[in-house]
N, C-alpha and C. Protein backbone atom coordinates (compact mmCIF):
# COMPACT_ATOMS: atom_id res chain seq x y z
N MET A 1 -1.04 -24.46 39.10
CA MET A 1 -0.69 -25.04 37.84
C MET A 1 0.17 -26.22 38.03
N GLY A 2 -0.38 -27.30 38.21
CA GLY A 2 0.53 -28.46 38.36
C GLY A 2 -0.09 -29.73 37.75
N GLY A 3 0.63 -30.78 37.78
CA GLY A 3 0.17 -32.06 37.33
C GLY A 3 -0.17 -32.13 35.89
N GLY A 4 -1.10 -32.97 35.53
CA GLY A 4 -1.46 -33.13 34.13
C GLY A 4 -0.80 -34.34 33.56
N VAL A 5 -0.87 -34.44 32.26
CA VAL A 5 -0.31 -35.61 31.58
C VAL A 5 1.16 -35.52 31.44
N ARG A 6 1.81 -36.61 31.55
CA ARG A 6 3.30 -36.61 31.38
C ARG A 6 3.60 -37.52 30.14
N GLY A 7 4.62 -37.24 29.46
CA GLY A 7 4.96 -38.11 28.32
C GLY A 7 6.15 -37.50 27.56
N HIS A 8 6.31 -37.82 26.28
CA HIS A 8 7.35 -37.18 25.54
C HIS A 8 6.92 -36.94 24.08
N LEU A 9 7.47 -35.94 23.46
CA LEU A 9 7.24 -35.64 22.04
C LEU A 9 8.44 -36.10 21.29
N LEU A 10 8.05 -36.66 20.13
CA LEU A 10 9.12 -37.09 19.16
C LEU A 10 9.36 -36.00 18.26
N LEU A 11 10.62 -35.56 18.17
CA LEU A 11 10.95 -34.50 17.31
C LEU A 11 11.90 -34.97 16.13
N GLY A 12 11.38 -35.08 14.98
CA GLY A 12 12.22 -35.53 13.85
C GLY A 12 12.91 -36.73 14.22
N HIS A 13 14.14 -36.95 13.79
CA HIS A 13 14.88 -38.12 13.94
C HIS A 13 15.04 -38.68 15.35
N HIS A 14 13.88 -39.03 15.96
CA HIS A 14 13.84 -39.71 17.21
C HIS A 14 14.45 -38.90 18.32
N ARG A 15 14.46 -37.58 18.19
CA ARG A 15 14.85 -36.73 19.32
C ARG A 15 13.65 -36.53 20.23
N ARG A 16 13.76 -36.77 21.51
CA ARG A 16 12.60 -36.70 22.32
C ARG A 16 12.68 -35.53 23.32
N LEU A 17 11.58 -34.89 23.55
CA LEU A 17 11.44 -33.92 24.53
C LEU A 17 10.44 -34.36 25.52
N HIS A 18 10.74 -34.38 26.80
CA HIS A 18 9.78 -34.79 27.78
C HIS A 18 8.91 -33.58 28.14
N PHE A 19 7.67 -33.92 28.41
CA PHE A 19 6.76 -32.81 28.76
C PHE A 19 5.78 -33.19 29.78
N SER A 20 5.21 -32.20 30.34
CA SER A 20 3.99 -32.44 31.16
C SER A 20 3.06 -31.27 30.88
N TRP A 21 1.71 -31.57 30.91
CA TRP A 21 0.72 -30.53 30.62
C TRP A 21 0.42 -29.79 31.88
N GLY A 22 0.38 -28.49 31.78
CA GLY A 22 -0.13 -27.64 32.87
C GLY A 22 -1.38 -26.98 32.46
N ARG A 23 -2.17 -26.61 33.44
CA ARG A 23 -3.39 -25.93 33.11
C ARG A 23 -3.40 -24.42 33.56
N GLY A 24 -3.79 -23.59 32.59
CA GLY A 24 -3.85 -22.10 32.90
C GLY A 24 -5.22 -21.80 33.43
N ARG A 25 -5.57 -20.51 33.35
CA ARG A 25 -6.84 -20.03 33.78
C ARG A 25 -7.90 -20.54 32.78
N GLU A 26 -7.57 -20.60 31.49
CA GLU A 26 -8.51 -20.97 30.51
C GLU A 26 -8.65 -22.53 30.59
N GLU A 27 -9.74 -23.01 30.08
CA GLU A 27 -9.97 -24.46 30.05
C GLU A 27 -8.98 -25.12 29.12
N GLY A 28 -8.63 -26.35 29.44
CA GLY A 28 -7.76 -27.11 28.60
C GLY A 28 -6.29 -26.86 28.84
N PRO A 29 -5.40 -27.73 28.35
CA PRO A 29 -4.02 -27.62 28.53
C PRO A 29 -3.45 -26.30 27.81
N GLN A 30 -2.62 -25.56 28.52
CA GLN A 30 -2.14 -24.33 27.96
C GLN A 30 -0.64 -24.30 27.86
N TRP A 31 0.03 -24.96 28.73
CA TRP A 31 1.38 -24.92 28.77
C TRP A 31 2.07 -26.30 28.69
N VAL A 32 3.30 -26.36 28.18
CA VAL A 32 4.02 -27.63 28.19
C VAL A 32 5.34 -27.29 28.97
N TYR A 33 5.69 -28.20 29.85
CA TYR A 33 6.96 -27.99 30.55
C TYR A 33 7.93 -28.98 29.90
N PHE A 34 9.02 -28.55 29.32
CA PHE A 34 9.96 -29.49 28.71
C PHE A 34 11.10 -29.74 29.68
N CYS A 35 11.38 -30.99 29.95
CA CYS A 35 12.44 -31.40 30.82
C CYS A 35 12.27 -30.81 32.15
N GLY A 36 11.08 -30.47 32.52
CA GLY A 36 10.76 -29.91 33.84
C GLY A 36 11.35 -28.57 34.08
N ALA A 37 11.85 -27.92 33.05
CA ALA A 37 12.54 -26.60 33.27
C ALA A 37 11.85 -25.47 32.46
N VAL A 38 11.97 -25.54 31.17
CA VAL A 38 11.48 -24.41 30.40
C VAL A 38 9.96 -24.50 30.22
N VAL A 39 9.28 -23.46 30.46
CA VAL A 39 7.88 -23.33 30.33
C VAL A 39 7.60 -22.79 28.86
N ILE A 40 6.92 -23.57 28.13
CA ILE A 40 6.59 -23.23 26.73
C ILE A 40 5.11 -23.12 26.43
N PRO A 41 4.61 -21.99 26.06
CA PRO A 41 3.20 -21.95 25.67
C PRO A 41 3.01 -22.68 24.37
N VAL A 42 1.98 -23.50 24.27
CA VAL A 42 1.87 -24.31 23.09
C VAL A 42 0.72 -23.72 22.19
N LEU A 43 1.02 -23.40 21.07
CA LEU A 43 0.10 -22.92 20.08
C LEU A 43 0.33 -23.73 18.84
N THR A 44 -0.64 -24.64 18.51
CA THR A 44 -0.54 -25.36 17.28
C THR A 44 -1.48 -24.77 16.28
N TYR A 45 -0.93 -23.81 15.58
CA TYR A 45 -1.76 -23.10 14.62
C TYR A 45 -3.02 -22.61 15.27
N GLN A 46 -2.90 -22.00 16.42
CA GLN A 46 -3.94 -21.48 17.24
C GLN A 46 -4.86 -22.55 17.83
N VAL A 47 -4.43 -23.81 17.76
CA VAL A 47 -5.19 -24.89 18.45
C VAL A 47 -4.19 -25.60 19.33
N PRO A 48 -4.43 -25.70 20.71
CA PRO A 48 -3.56 -26.38 21.51
C PRO A 48 -3.44 -27.82 21.21
N LEU A 49 -2.22 -28.43 21.36
CA LEU A 49 -2.07 -29.84 21.23
C LEU A 49 -2.96 -30.58 22.14
N CYS A 50 -3.64 -31.60 21.64
CA CYS A 50 -4.68 -32.29 22.44
C CYS A 50 -4.01 -33.32 23.35
N PRO A 51 -4.22 -33.25 24.64
CA PRO A 51 -3.62 -34.23 25.49
C PRO A 51 -4.11 -35.69 25.28
N GLN A 52 -5.30 -35.80 24.70
CA GLN A 52 -5.82 -37.18 24.33
C GLN A 52 -4.95 -37.78 23.28
N SER A 53 -4.44 -36.99 22.33
CA SER A 53 -3.56 -37.57 21.29
C SER A 53 -2.22 -37.87 21.83
N LEU A 54 -1.88 -37.28 22.97
CA LEU A 54 -0.57 -37.51 23.64
C LEU A 54 -0.88 -38.14 24.98
N GLN A 55 -1.28 -39.37 25.02
CA GLN A 55 -1.62 -40.01 26.21
C GLN A 55 -0.39 -40.24 27.05
N LEU A 56 -0.63 -40.78 28.19
CA LEU A 56 0.56 -41.11 29.11
C LEU A 56 1.56 -41.89 28.41
N GLY A 57 2.76 -41.33 28.30
CA GLY A 57 3.86 -42.08 27.62
C GLY A 57 3.61 -42.08 26.07
N GLY A 58 2.56 -41.41 25.60
CA GLY A 58 2.28 -41.42 24.15
C GLY A 58 3.31 -40.58 23.40
N VAL A 59 3.31 -40.73 22.13
CA VAL A 59 4.26 -39.97 21.30
C VAL A 59 3.43 -39.15 20.25
N GLY A 60 3.74 -37.88 20.20
CA GLY A 60 3.19 -36.98 19.19
C GLY A 60 4.24 -36.44 18.33
N GLU A 61 4.08 -36.41 17.10
CA GLU A 61 5.08 -35.88 16.17
C GLU A 61 4.93 -34.35 16.09
N VAL A 62 6.03 -33.67 16.30
CA VAL A 62 5.98 -32.20 16.07
C VAL A 62 7.04 -31.86 15.01
N ASN A 63 6.62 -31.45 13.87
CA ASN A 63 7.51 -31.23 12.81
C ASN A 63 8.08 -29.82 12.71
N ASP A 64 7.35 -28.91 13.39
CA ASP A 64 7.63 -27.50 13.18
C ASP A 64 7.89 -26.84 14.50
N ILE A 65 9.12 -26.48 14.78
CA ILE A 65 9.39 -25.78 16.02
C ILE A 65 10.07 -24.45 15.69
N GLN A 66 9.46 -23.35 16.06
CA GLN A 66 10.10 -22.08 15.75
C GLN A 66 10.02 -21.21 17.06
N HIS A 67 10.77 -20.13 17.08
CA HIS A 67 10.62 -19.18 18.20
C HIS A 67 9.34 -18.44 17.94
N SER A 68 8.56 -18.27 18.98
CA SER A 68 7.33 -17.54 18.87
C SER A 68 7.63 -16.04 18.89
N SER A 69 6.72 -15.20 18.42
CA SER A 69 6.90 -13.74 18.35
C SER A 69 7.09 -13.24 19.79
N ARG A 70 6.51 -13.98 20.77
CA ARG A 70 6.66 -13.55 22.18
C ARG A 70 8.00 -14.04 22.82
N CYS A 71 8.80 -14.56 21.99
CA CYS A 71 10.01 -15.26 22.53
C CYS A 71 10.96 -14.19 23.23
N GLN A 72 11.36 -14.59 24.51
CA GLN A 72 12.35 -13.78 25.14
C GLN A 72 13.45 -14.77 25.52
N HIS A 73 14.68 -14.37 25.18
CA HIS A 73 15.88 -15.23 25.44
C HIS A 73 15.77 -16.62 24.94
N GLY A 74 14.89 -16.81 23.84
CA GLY A 74 14.81 -18.12 23.23
C GLY A 74 14.10 -19.18 24.06
N LYS A 75 13.39 -18.77 25.10
CA LYS A 75 12.74 -19.78 25.94
C LYS A 75 11.44 -20.25 25.45
N HIS A 76 10.65 -19.32 24.88
CA HIS A 76 9.34 -19.68 24.38
C HIS A 76 9.40 -20.15 22.98
N LEU A 77 8.85 -21.29 22.72
CA LEU A 77 8.93 -21.84 21.34
C LEU A 77 7.43 -21.97 20.83
N TYR A 78 7.39 -21.78 19.53
CA TYR A 78 6.07 -21.93 18.86
C TYR A 78 6.12 -23.34 18.33
N ILE A 79 5.11 -24.17 18.82
CA ILE A 79 5.12 -25.57 18.36
C ILE A 79 3.89 -25.78 17.50
N GLY A 80 4.09 -26.39 16.33
CA GLY A 80 2.96 -26.65 15.46
C GLY A 80 3.15 -27.80 14.61
N ARG A 81 2.04 -28.49 14.26
CA ARG A 81 2.13 -29.60 13.37
C ARG A 81 2.05 -29.03 11.93
N LYS A 82 2.92 -29.63 11.07
CA LYS A 82 2.92 -29.17 9.73
C LYS A 82 1.64 -29.71 9.01
N LYS A 83 0.94 -28.80 8.46
CA LYS A 83 -0.25 -29.27 7.65
C LYS A 83 -0.02 -29.32 6.27
N LYS A 84 -0.61 -30.28 5.59
CA LYS A 84 -0.44 -30.32 4.13
C LYS A 84 -1.26 -29.20 3.57
N LYS A 85 -0.60 -28.42 2.66
CA LYS A 85 -1.22 -27.27 2.04
C LYS A 85 -2.12 -27.73 0.92
N LYS A 86 -3.36 -27.34 0.88
CA LYS A 86 -4.24 -27.68 -0.20
C LYS A 86 -4.11 -26.65 -1.34
N LYS A 87 -3.98 -27.11 -2.54
CA LYS A 87 -3.84 -26.21 -3.64
C LYS A 87 -5.17 -25.56 -3.90
N LYS A 88 -5.14 -24.16 -3.88
CA LYS A 88 -6.38 -23.44 -4.12
C LYS A 88 -6.52 -23.20 -5.61
N LYS A 89 -7.75 -23.40 -6.04
CA LYS A 89 -8.07 -23.13 -7.46
C LYS A 89 -8.33 -21.67 -7.57
N LYS A 90 -7.70 -21.10 -8.56
CA LYS A 90 -7.88 -19.57 -8.73
C LYS A 90 -9.20 -19.43 -9.55
N LYS A 91 -10.01 -18.53 -9.02
CA LYS A 91 -11.28 -18.18 -9.68
C LYS A 91 -11.01 -17.12 -10.65
N LYS A 92 -11.58 -17.25 -11.87
CA LYS A 92 -11.40 -16.26 -12.84
C LYS A 92 -12.48 -15.14 -12.53
N LYS A 93 -11.92 -13.92 -12.53
CA LYS A 93 -12.77 -12.77 -12.23
C LYS A 93 -13.48 -12.30 -13.57
N LYS A 94 -14.76 -12.16 -13.43
CA LYS A 94 -15.52 -11.70 -14.60
C LYS A 94 -15.46 -10.12 -14.64
N LYS A 95 -15.15 -9.64 -15.79
CA LYS A 95 -15.05 -8.21 -15.93
C LYS A 95 -16.51 -7.61 -16.04
N LYS A 96 -16.72 -6.66 -15.30
CA LYS A 96 -18.05 -5.98 -15.36
C LYS A 96 -18.16 -5.01 -16.48
N LYS A 97 -19.21 -5.11 -17.23
CA LYS A 97 -19.39 -4.11 -18.35
C LYS A 97 -20.02 -2.92 -17.82
N LYS A 98 -19.37 -1.78 -18.17
CA LYS A 98 -19.95 -0.53 -17.70
C LYS A 98 -21.08 -0.07 -18.59
N LYS A 99 -22.20 0.24 -17.94
CA LYS A 99 -23.35 0.65 -18.65
C LYS A 99 -23.24 2.14 -19.01
N LYS A 100 -23.41 2.43 -20.31
CA LYS A 100 -23.35 3.85 -20.70
C LYS A 100 -24.65 4.51 -20.47
N LYS A 101 -24.66 5.65 -19.84
CA LYS A 101 -25.97 6.36 -19.61
C LYS A 101 -26.33 7.09 -20.88
N LYS A 102 -27.50 6.86 -21.32
CA LYS A 102 -28.06 7.59 -22.47
C LYS A 102 -28.61 8.89 -22.07
N LYS A 103 -28.16 9.91 -22.75
CA LYS A 103 -28.73 11.31 -22.54
C LYS A 103 -30.16 11.34 -23.14
N LYS A 104 -31.03 11.95 -22.44
CA LYS A 104 -32.37 12.12 -22.99
C LYS A 104 -32.34 13.18 -24.14
N LYS A 105 -32.86 12.68 -25.26
CA LYS A 105 -32.86 13.54 -26.50
C LYS A 105 -34.28 14.11 -26.73
N LYS A 106 -34.29 15.23 -27.38
CA LYS A 106 -35.54 15.81 -27.76
C LYS A 106 -36.20 14.91 -28.85
N LYS A 107 -37.54 15.01 -28.94
CA LYS A 107 -38.20 14.17 -29.91
C LYS A 107 -37.77 14.40 -31.36
N GLU A 108 -37.53 15.59 -31.69
CA GLU A 108 -37.09 15.95 -33.08
C GLU A 108 -35.76 15.31 -33.40
N ASP A 109 -34.85 15.31 -32.43
CA ASP A 109 -33.58 14.71 -32.62
C ASP A 109 -33.68 13.23 -32.84
N GLU A 110 -34.64 12.66 -32.06
CA GLU A 110 -34.80 11.19 -32.13
C GLU A 110 -35.30 10.77 -33.51
N LYS A 111 -36.22 11.58 -34.10
CA LYS A 111 -36.73 11.33 -35.40
C LYS A 111 -35.53 11.31 -36.49
N GLU A 112 -34.76 12.39 -36.32
CA GLU A 112 -33.57 12.49 -37.29
C GLU A 112 -32.69 11.31 -37.14
N ASP A 113 -32.38 10.85 -35.87
CA ASP A 113 -31.52 9.74 -35.65
C ASP A 113 -32.08 8.45 -36.31
N LYS A 114 -33.38 8.31 -36.14
CA LYS A 114 -34.05 7.06 -36.67
C LYS A 114 -33.80 7.01 -38.17
N GLN A 115 -34.01 8.22 -38.86
CA GLN A 115 -33.90 8.35 -40.25
C GLN A 115 -32.50 7.97 -40.71
N GLU A 116 -31.52 8.54 -39.90
CA GLU A 116 -30.10 8.36 -40.24
C GLU A 116 -29.75 6.85 -40.19
N THR A 117 -30.22 6.22 -39.15
CA THR A 117 -29.84 4.81 -38.97
C THR A 117 -30.52 3.94 -40.06
N HIS A 118 -31.77 4.39 -40.44
CA HIS A 118 -32.44 3.68 -41.51
C HIS A 118 -31.67 3.77 -42.81
N PHE A 119 -31.23 4.92 -43.14
CA PHE A 119 -30.49 5.09 -44.39
C PHE A 119 -29.16 4.40 -44.35
N LYS A 120 -28.56 4.38 -43.13
CA LYS A 120 -27.27 3.66 -42.94
C LYS A 120 -27.43 2.19 -43.19
N SER A 121 -28.51 1.69 -42.71
CA SER A 121 -28.74 0.23 -42.82
C SER A 121 -29.07 -0.11 -44.30
N LEU A 122 -29.78 0.75 -44.98
CA LEU A 122 -29.97 0.60 -46.39
C LEU A 122 -28.76 0.58 -47.18
N LEU A 123 -27.90 1.51 -46.86
CA LEU A 123 -26.59 1.66 -47.57
C LEU A 123 -25.75 0.40 -47.31
N ILE A 124 -25.68 -0.01 -46.11
CA ILE A 124 -24.88 -1.20 -45.71
C ILE A 124 -25.41 -2.42 -46.50
N ASN A 125 -26.76 -2.57 -46.46
CA ASN A 125 -27.36 -3.71 -47.27
C ASN A 125 -26.94 -3.67 -48.69
N ARG A 126 -27.00 -2.52 -49.27
CA ARG A 126 -26.70 -2.38 -50.69
C ARG A 126 -25.20 -2.75 -51.01
N ILE A 127 -24.32 -2.27 -50.06
CA ILE A 127 -22.89 -2.55 -50.22
C ILE A 127 -22.67 -4.04 -50.07
N THR A 128 -23.26 -4.66 -49.11
CA THR A 128 -23.00 -6.03 -48.88
C THR A 128 -23.58 -6.92 -49.96
N LYS A 129 -24.76 -6.54 -50.50
CA LYS A 129 -25.30 -7.27 -51.58
C LYS A 129 -24.44 -7.32 -52.85
N THR A 130 -23.89 -6.11 -53.17
CA THR A 130 -23.05 -5.94 -54.31
C THR A 130 -21.74 -6.71 -54.15
N THR A 131 -21.17 -6.62 -52.96
CA THR A 131 -19.82 -7.24 -52.76
C THR A 131 -19.92 -8.76 -52.62
N THR A 132 -21.00 -9.29 -52.09
CA THR A 132 -21.10 -10.65 -51.87
C THR A 132 -21.38 -11.44 -53.14
N LYS A 133 -22.04 -10.77 -54.10
CA LYS A 133 -22.30 -11.51 -55.32
C LYS A 133 -21.01 -11.62 -56.13
N THR A 134 -20.68 -12.82 -56.51
CA THR A 134 -19.42 -13.02 -57.27
C THR A 134 -19.82 -13.58 -58.63
N LYS A 135 -19.10 -13.16 -59.59
CA LYS A 135 -19.39 -13.64 -60.99
C LYS A 135 -18.75 -15.03 -61.15
N HIS A 136 -19.46 -16.04 -61.52
CA HIS A 136 -18.90 -17.35 -61.67
C HIS A 136 -18.42 -17.48 -63.13
N SER A 137 -17.15 -17.74 -63.26
CA SER A 137 -16.58 -17.95 -64.57
C SER A 137 -16.89 -19.32 -65.01
N LYS A 138 -17.37 -19.35 -66.26
CA LYS A 138 -17.79 -20.66 -66.80
C LYS A 138 -16.59 -21.38 -67.34
N HIS A 139 -16.45 -22.60 -66.93
CA HIS A 139 -15.31 -23.44 -67.40
C HIS A 139 -15.75 -24.17 -68.69
N THR A 140 -14.90 -24.11 -69.68
CA THR A 140 -15.15 -24.79 -70.99
C THR A 140 -14.31 -25.97 -71.17
């Protein structure tokens, strides 16, 4: 685990941390050595910082430095670039209508039901007809 790119990171108000990239077993840069002392695993929102964006002597902005969950004695830091949060549009949930299961009726019952509904409709028609008609008063 040696060598790699050397350079520095710019932290907020021009505070610089010198680093060099080291390679682990996995492909690509895995570790950053700050000031040649503390070994810090780099996780940028689960994507390692790209050495191409931090070329020799190049500057990369790191806005977010926190202790990682694996932190022991404050040595391991979680380094990430702050991403602009996109506003998510809330989707309106459609309420599902419950289908009522119709019980199977006997044929005799069905006939009675049909007659009932027929009479009801006749009644309703009669009521609506009588109520909707209004007497017009003649103006003299």
